[in-house]
Protein backbone atom coordinates (compact mmCIF):
# COMPACT_ATOMS: atom_id res chain seq x y z
CA UNK A 1 161.26 71.84 143.56
CA UNK A 2 159.98 69.28 146.09
CA UNK A 3 161.53 69.36 149.53
CA UNK A 4 163.06 66.13 150.79
CA UNK A 5 160.67 64.42 153.22
CA UNK A 6 161.91 61.23 154.85
CA UNK A 7 158.85 59.11 155.73
CA UNK A 8 161.02 56.13 156.60
CA UNK A 9 162.20 57.64 159.86
CA UNK A 10 160.43 59.38 162.69
CA UNK A 11 161.52 62.35 164.71
CA UNK A 12 164.47 61.74 167.02
CA UNK A 13 163.83 64.72 169.29
CA UNK A 14 161.86 62.61 171.78
CA UNK A 15 159.20 65.31 172.19
CA UNK A 16 155.57 64.45 172.85
CA UNK A 17 153.14 66.51 170.78
CA UNK A 18 149.55 67.03 171.93
CA UNK A 19 147.21 68.44 169.32
CA UNK A 20 144.03 70.20 170.46
CA UNK A 21 140.79 70.07 168.40
CA UNK A 22 140.62 73.86 168.28
CA UNK A 23 143.61 73.88 165.93
CA UNK A 24 141.89 71.48 163.52
CA UNK A 25 138.69 73.53 163.63
CA UNK A 26 140.59 76.75 162.88
CA UNK A 27 142.58 75.26 160.00
CA UNK A 28 139.57 73.57 158.39
CA UNK A 29 137.48 76.73 158.82
CA UNK A 30 140.25 78.81 157.26
CA UNK A 31 140.40 76.51 154.23
CA UNK A 32 136.61 76.25 153.91
CA UNK A 33 136.12 80.02 153.87
CA UNK A 34 138.76 80.54 151.18
CA UNK A 35 137.41 77.67 149.11
CA UNK A 36 133.85 79.02 149.33
CA UNK A 37 135.07 82.38 148.00
CA UNK A 38 137.15 80.83 145.21
CA UNK A 39 135.82 80.58 141.63
CA UNK A 40 134.12 77.33 140.69
CA UNK A 41 136.57 74.75 139.38
CA UNK A 42 139.59 76.48 140.89
CA UNK A 43 142.22 74.30 142.65
CA UNK A 44 142.09 74.04 146.46
CA UNK A 45 143.40 77.29 147.95
CA UNK A 46 146.58 77.39 149.99
CA UNK A 47 146.22 78.59 153.58
CA UNK A 48 149.01 79.47 155.97
CA UNK A 49 148.88 80.20 159.68
CA UNK A 50 150.79 80.07 162.94
CA UNK A 51 150.45 77.47 165.69
CA UNK A 52 150.28 78.63 169.29
CA UNK A 53 151.08 76.45 172.24
CA UNK A 54 153.35 75.82 175.16
CA UNK A 55 156.10 73.42 176.12
CA UNK A 56 156.40 71.73 179.49
CA UNK A 57 159.52 69.60 179.62
CA UNK A 58 159.32 67.11 176.76
CA UNK A 59 155.62 67.75 176.14
CA UNK A 60 154.50 70.30 173.54
CA UNK A 61 150.85 71.33 173.33
CA UNK A 62 149.38 72.80 170.14
CA UNK A 63 146.44 74.69 171.62
CA UNK A 64 145.47 77.45 169.18
CA UNK A 65 146.28 79.05 165.84
CA UNK A 66 145.83 82.22 163.83
CA UNK A 67 146.02 83.12 160.15
CA UNK A 68 149.07 84.68 158.55
CA UNK A 69 149.25 87.39 155.92
CA UNK A 70 151.40 86.27 153.03
CA UNK A 71 151.93 86.80 149.34
CA UNK A 72 153.32 84.95 146.36
CA UNK A 73 156.88 86.05 145.64
CA UNK A 74 159.06 85.20 142.68
CA UNK A 75 160.63 82.11 144.25
CA UNK A 76 158.88 81.63 147.60
CA UNK A 77 155.96 82.61 149.75
CA UNK A 78 156.56 85.95 151.46
CA UNK A 79 155.22 86.21 155.01
CA UNK A 80 154.21 89.58 156.47
CA UNK A 81 156.59 89.65 159.45
CA UNK A 82 155.23 92.87 161.10
CA UNK A 83 151.72 91.44 161.07
CA UNK A 84 153.09 88.26 162.63
CA UNK A 85 154.78 90.19 165.44
CA UNK A 86 151.66 92.27 166.11
CA UNK A 87 149.43 89.20 166.18
CA UNK A 88 151.78 87.42 168.57
CA UNK A 89 151.76 90.38 170.94
CA UNK A 90 147.95 90.47 170.92
CA UNK A 91 147.66 86.79 171.75
CA UNK A 92 150.41 87.13 174.35
CA UNK A 93 148.29 89.73 176.14
CA UNK A 94 145.34 87.33 176.49
CA UNK A 95 147.26 84.05 176.69
CA UNK A 96 150.63 84.84 178.31
CA UNK A 97 151.69 81.18 178.43
CA UNK A 98 151.27 80.55 174.70
CA UNK A 99 154.03 81.16 172.17
CA UNK A 100 154.51 80.46 168.49
CA UNK A 101 155.53 76.79 168.28
CA UNK A 102 155.17 76.31 164.54
CA UNK A 103 152.93 76.92 161.55
CA UNK A 104 150.35 75.14 159.42
CA UNK A 105 149.51 74.89 155.76
CA UNK A 106 147.33 72.85 153.40
CA UNK A 107 148.47 70.65 150.55
CA UNK A 108 149.63 67.16 149.66
CA UNK A 109 153.40 67.68 149.49
CA UNK A 110 156.04 70.15 150.61
CA UNK A 111 158.10 72.30 148.29
CA UNK A 112 160.99 74.75 148.53
CA UNK A 113 158.48 77.54 149.06
CA UNK A 114 157.28 75.84 152.24
CA UNK A 115 160.87 75.59 153.41
CA UNK A 116 161.26 79.35 152.98
CA UNK A 117 158.25 79.95 155.23
CA UNK A 118 159.70 77.48 157.72
CA UNK A 119 162.93 79.47 157.87
CA UNK A 120 160.90 82.64 158.48
CA UNK A 121 159.00 81.05 161.38
CA UNK A 122 162.37 79.92 162.77
CA UNK A 123 162.99 83.56 163.66
CA UNK A 124 160.26 83.24 166.32
CA UNK A 125 161.00 79.64 167.36
CA UNK A 126 164.34 77.98 166.77
CA UNK A 127 162.70 74.59 166.16
CA UNK A 128 159.21 75.16 164.75
CA UNK A 129 156.73 72.47 163.83
CA UNK A 130 154.86 72.13 160.56
CA UNK A 131 151.28 70.87 160.49
CA UNK A 132 150.18 69.79 157.02
CA UNK A 133 146.46 69.33 156.30
CA UNK A 134 145.48 67.44 153.16
CA UNK A 135 142.18 69.00 151.97
CA UNK A 136 141.58 66.29 149.36
CA UNK A 137 139.31 63.52 150.65
CA UNK A 138 141.03 60.13 150.62
CA UNK A 139 138.62 57.35 151.64
CA UNK A 140 141.46 54.84 151.89
CA UNK A 141 143.01 56.81 154.75
CA UNK A 142 141.65 55.75 158.12
CA UNK A 143 143.25 58.40 160.31
CA UNK A 144 143.03 62.16 160.21
CA UNK A 145 144.51 63.85 157.11
CA UNK A 146 147.00 65.59 159.37
CA UNK A 147 150.78 65.21 159.44
CA UNK A 148 153.12 66.93 161.89
CA UNK A 149 156.71 67.47 160.78
CA UNK A 150 159.96 68.46 162.43
CA UNK A 151 163.14 69.46 160.63
CA UNK A 152 166.44 67.70 161.08
CA UNK A 153 169.83 68.37 159.55
CA UNK A 154 171.26 65.32 157.76
CA UNK A 155 174.30 64.87 155.56
CA UNK A 156 173.20 63.46 152.20
CA UNK A 157 175.95 62.64 149.70
CA UNK A 158 178.35 64.77 151.70
CA UNK A 159 176.06 67.79 151.63
CA UNK A 160 174.12 68.93 154.75
CA UNK A 161 170.42 69.18 154.01
CA UNK A 162 167.33 70.13 156.00
CA UNK A 163 164.90 67.22 155.95
CA UNK A 164 161.31 67.09 157.16
CA UNK A 165 160.61 64.03 159.31
CA UNK A 166 157.24 62.99 160.67
CA UNK A 167 156.52 63.38 164.35
CA UNK A 168 154.01 61.35 166.30
CA UNK A 169 151.17 63.27 167.93
CA UNK A 170 148.14 62.56 170.07
CA UNK A 171 144.82 64.36 170.48
CA UNK A 172 144.35 66.29 173.71
CA UNK A 173 141.15 68.03 174.82
CA UNK A 174 140.21 70.16 177.79
CA UNK A 175 136.74 70.38 179.31
CA UNK A 176 136.03 73.73 177.67
CA UNK A 177 137.16 72.47 174.26
CA UNK A 178 135.11 69.31 174.65
CA UNK A 179 131.96 71.35 175.23
CA UNK A 180 132.67 73.64 172.29
CA UNK A 181 133.49 70.82 169.86
CA UNK A 182 130.47 68.86 171.06
CA UNK A 183 128.23 71.87 170.40
CA UNK A 184 129.67 72.39 166.92
CA UNK A 185 129.25 68.71 166.08
CA UNK A 186 125.57 68.73 167.05
CA UNK A 187 124.57 72.01 165.46
CA UNK A 188 121.42 71.76 163.34
CA UNK A 189 120.83 73.35 159.90
CA UNK A 190 118.49 75.76 161.69
CA UNK A 191 121.43 76.90 163.82
CA UNK A 192 120.25 75.27 167.04
CA UNK A 193 120.80 71.96 168.76
CA UNK A 194 117.87 70.49 170.65
CA UNK A 195 118.26 69.08 174.14
CA UNK A 196 117.24 65.56 173.13
CA UNK A 197 119.81 65.45 170.33
CA UNK A 198 122.51 66.73 172.68
CA UNK A 199 121.70 63.98 175.18
CA UNK A 200 121.62 61.34 172.45
CA UNK A 201 124.96 62.46 171.04
CA UNK A 202 126.49 62.59 174.55
CA UNK A 203 125.30 59.07 175.41
CA UNK A 204 126.46 57.81 172.02
CA UNK A 205 129.95 59.21 172.58
CA UNK A 206 130.07 57.64 176.06
CA UNK A 207 128.96 54.29 174.65
CA UNK A 208 131.63 54.46 171.94
CA UNK A 209 134.32 55.33 174.50
CA UNK A 210 133.32 52.46 176.81
CA UNK A 211 133.14 50.06 173.86
CA UNK A 212 136.63 51.04 172.75
CA UNK A 213 137.94 50.68 176.31
CA UNK A 214 136.50 47.16 176.55
CA UNK A 215 138.06 46.27 173.19
CA UNK A 216 141.49 47.57 174.30
CA UNK A 217 141.29 45.65 177.58
CA UNK A 218 140.36 42.49 175.67
CA UNK A 219 143.44 42.91 173.44
CA UNK A 220 145.66 43.39 176.50
CA UNK A 221 144.17 40.30 178.14
CA UNK A 222 144.76 38.19 175.04
CA UNK A 223 148.35 39.43 174.75
CA UNK A 224 149.11 38.70 178.42
CA UNK A 225 147.57 35.23 178.05
CA UNK A 226 149.75 34.58 175.01
CA UNK A 227 152.84 35.66 176.97
CA UNK A 228 151.86 33.39 179.86
CA UNK A 229 151.48 30.44 177.46
CA UNK A 230 154.89 31.15 175.97
CA UNK A 231 153.49 31.43 172.44
CA UNK A 232 154.96 34.92 172.00
CA UNK A 233 158.24 36.42 173.24
CA UNK A 234 158.16 38.33 176.48
CA UNK A 235 157.61 42.05 175.59
CA UNK A 236 159.33 43.87 178.44
CA UNK A 237 158.16 47.38 177.49
CA UNK A 238 154.53 46.34 177.13
CA UNK A 239 154.54 44.34 180.37
CA UNK A 240 155.91 47.34 182.26
CA UNK A 241 153.00 49.40 180.96
CA UNK A 242 150.52 46.66 181.91
CA UNK A 243 152.07 46.45 185.37
CA UNK A 244 151.74 50.22 185.78
CA UNK A 245 148.09 50.01 184.70
CA UNK A 246 147.32 47.19 187.12
CA UNK A 247 149.14 48.95 189.95
CA UNK A 248 146.76 51.89 189.66
CA UNK A 249 143.66 49.70 190.12
CA UNK A 250 143.91 49.23 193.93
CA UNK A 251 143.35 52.97 194.27
CA UNK A 252 139.66 52.19 193.71
CA UNK A 253 139.55 50.36 197.06
CA UNK A 254 140.59 53.49 198.91
CA UNK A 255 137.88 54.49 201.48
CA UNK A 256 138.33 58.14 200.52
CA UNK A 257 137.60 57.27 196.89
CA UNK A 258 134.40 55.46 197.88
CA UNK A 259 133.31 58.42 200.01
CA UNK A 260 133.97 60.92 197.23
CA UNK A 261 132.25 58.67 194.68
CA UNK A 262 129.12 58.27 196.83
CA UNK A 263 129.04 62.01 197.52
CA UNK A 264 129.21 62.85 193.83
CA UNK A 265 126.65 60.14 193.03
CA UNK A 266 124.22 61.50 195.63
CA UNK A 267 124.74 65.05 194.40
CA UNK A 268 123.91 63.91 190.87
CA UNK A 269 120.74 62.16 192.05
CA UNK A 270 119.75 65.25 194.05
CA UNK A 271 120.27 67.42 190.97
CA UNK A 272 118.09 65.10 188.88
CA UNK A 273 115.42 65.06 191.58
CA UNK A 274 115.49 68.85 191.83
CA UNK A 275 115.18 69.17 188.06
CA UNK A 276 112.23 66.76 188.01
CA UNK A 277 110.54 68.58 190.90
CA UNK A 278 111.04 71.94 189.22
CA UNK A 279 109.56 70.62 185.99
CA UNK A 280 106.55 69.17 187.86
CA UNK A 281 105.97 72.46 189.71
CA UNK A 282 106.13 74.34 186.43
CA UNK A 283 103.49 71.99 184.98
CA UNK A 284 101.27 72.46 188.04
CA UNK A 285 101.62 76.24 187.83
CA UNK A 286 100.66 76.19 184.16
CA UNK A 287 97.67 73.96 184.95
CA UNK A 288 96.59 76.34 187.72
CA UNK A 289 96.79 79.31 185.37
CA UNK A 290 94.67 77.52 182.81
CA UNK A 291 92.06 76.50 185.41
CA UNK A 292 91.93 80.04 186.80
CA UNK A 293 91.45 81.46 183.31
CA UNK A 294 88.73 78.92 182.52
CA UNK A 295 86.75 79.59 185.74
CA UNK A 296 87.15 83.34 185.25
CA UNK A 297 85.57 83.13 181.79
CA UNK A 298 82.81 80.85 183.11
CA UNK A 299 82.06 83.34 185.90
CA UNK A 300 81.80 86.17 183.44
CA UNK A 301 79.35 84.22 181.28
CA UNK A 302 77.31 83.31 184.36
CA UNK A 303 77.06 86.92 185.49
CA UNK A 304 76.15 88.04 182.03
CA UNK A 305 73.40 85.41 181.72
CA UNK A 306 71.90 86.29 185.15
CA UNK A 307 71.67 89.96 184.27
CA UNK A 308 69.85 89.15 181.03
CA UNK A 309 67.26 87.01 182.83
CA UNK A 310 66.69 89.74 185.44
CA UNK A 311 66.14 92.35 182.74
CA UNK A 312 63.64 90.09 180.95
CA UNK A 313 61.66 89.54 184.15
CA UNK A 314 61.49 93.27 184.84
CA UNK A 315 60.24 94.03 181.35
CA UNK A 316 57.71 91.19 181.73
CA UNK A 317 56.29 92.83 184.81
């Protein structure tokens, strides 16, 4: 039986969900490993796991995940609760600020069996999230094949029912995650990533980010111009956001900002100069070693040749 999913409405909780790339890497890796070990022609395997994160006010971060032990029961998926408790305690020892905020699974639609797992996870979090990954490639879909759901209680035909509603989410990355994801993205078939390819990929990502920023600013400029001309109604919410964005620009004229910027810029130039000097000194040292080796061999040949000529002259006498 298919669970009721209302795609016409969004979550009314007002929470802001921030999804970290590590969760996507873990879920996709979990599915890929099971699929690689499945018989050829078998349907995509089902994977289940827990989502770890933290909540700060109205913001919920999905930072990590781990796999769950489960089995196929007669009417629903049966989750190994003791394993879940043990795993949570282990993660709590290393990451004391992270708790179970939900769970993830793969598939295209939700069923009553998924709802049973959701009720089980509710024992650890009264309002868990569900992250659904669609493993089937759909080229018509432009965004990530990820959907985040919350559950809400609605009265349908006089009967209260638990309904899954979609929740909006945004991608959030830390510096450590950015380095790790960048390294995974540039890994070569040989298992290594060369320095030139890392630099090229880094500059390409910076160029794409700047290009997108310019495109967004152009859209904002066109929208503000249309509002000024009176061709479109005055969007109060959007203009408040634009005003907040513009109000943050004068911070660039702060003398402290200019001092910090020049200091960081000079430090970067000094680092580049030091790296270039070190590379030049290494080249000179290698050249010196080669010259010393060459002259040493030439000296040995010269001494050997002189001794031979002296011996010939003595025998000639």
